Amino acid sequence: MGHRIRPTAAENFAPADLLQGILVVSSFGFWAVMLGLMPVLVFRVWLA
């Protein structure tokens, strides 16, 4: 009775949830940076 065979739901899902959240945030940040830089790059190419 001392040792548990399977972890609790919280222990099971927390790491995957955290990883998914990090992936979503990082991908959102990546796209925000890309969309932010795109007009600048187009403008510089247009100037050149």
Protein backbone atom coordinates (compact mmCIF):
# COMPACT_ATOMS: atom_id res chain seq x y z
CA MET A 1 0.00 0.00 0.00
CA GLY A 2 3.00 2.28 0.48
CA HIS A 3 3.96 2.83 -3.14
CA ARG A 4 1.57 4.12 -5.78
CA ILE A 5 1.57 2.41 -9.16
CA ARG A 6 0.40 5.35 -11.23
CA PRO A 7 0.87 9.08 -10.56
CA THR A 8 -1.99 11.41 -9.85
CA ALA A 9 -3.72 13.30 -12.65
CA ALA A 10 -2.02 16.56 -11.63
CA GLU A 11 1.46 15.02 -11.76
CA ASN A 12 0.57 13.35 -15.05
CA PHE A 13 -0.76 16.36 -16.94
CA ALA A 14 1.08 19.32 -15.41
CA PRO A 15 4.41 18.87 -17.31
CA ALA A 16 2.72 18.30 -20.69
CA ASP A 17 0.44 21.28 -20.07
CA LEU A 18 3.39 23.47 -19.14
CA LEU A 19 5.32 22.33 -22.22
CA GLN A 20 2.36 23.05 -24.48
CA GLY A 21 1.94 26.48 -22.92
CA ILE A 22 5.63 27.24 -23.49
CA LEU A 23 5.36 26.09 -27.11
CA VAL A 24 2.28 28.24 -27.72
CA VAL A 25 3.87 31.31 -26.13
CA SER A 26 7.19 30.83 -27.96
CA SER A 27 5.49 30.28 -31.31
CA PHE A 28 3.29 33.33 -30.71
CA GLY A 29 6.36 35.39 -29.86
CA PHE A 30 8.13 34.08 -32.96
CA TRP A 31 5.23 35.08 -35.22
CA ALA A 32 4.92 38.45 -33.49
CA VAL A 33 8.61 39.13 -34.17
CA MET A 34 8.32 37.92 -37.77
CA LEU A 35 5.25 40.08 -38.47
CA GLY A 36 6.94 43.00 -36.74
CA LEU A 37 10.12 42.68 -38.82
CA MET A 38 8.40 41.97 -42.14
CA PRO A 39 7.33 45.60 -42.89
CA VAL A 40 10.82 46.82 -41.88
CA LEU A 41 12.52 44.34 -44.22
CA VAL A 42 10.13 45.17 -47.08
CA PHE A 43 10.67 48.88 -46.48
CA ARG A 44 14.47 48.51 -46.51
CA VAL A 45 14.36 46.43 -49.68
CA TRP A 46 12.06 49.03 -51.27
CA LEU A 47 14.49 51.82 -50.28
CA ALA A 48 17.41 49.87 -51.72
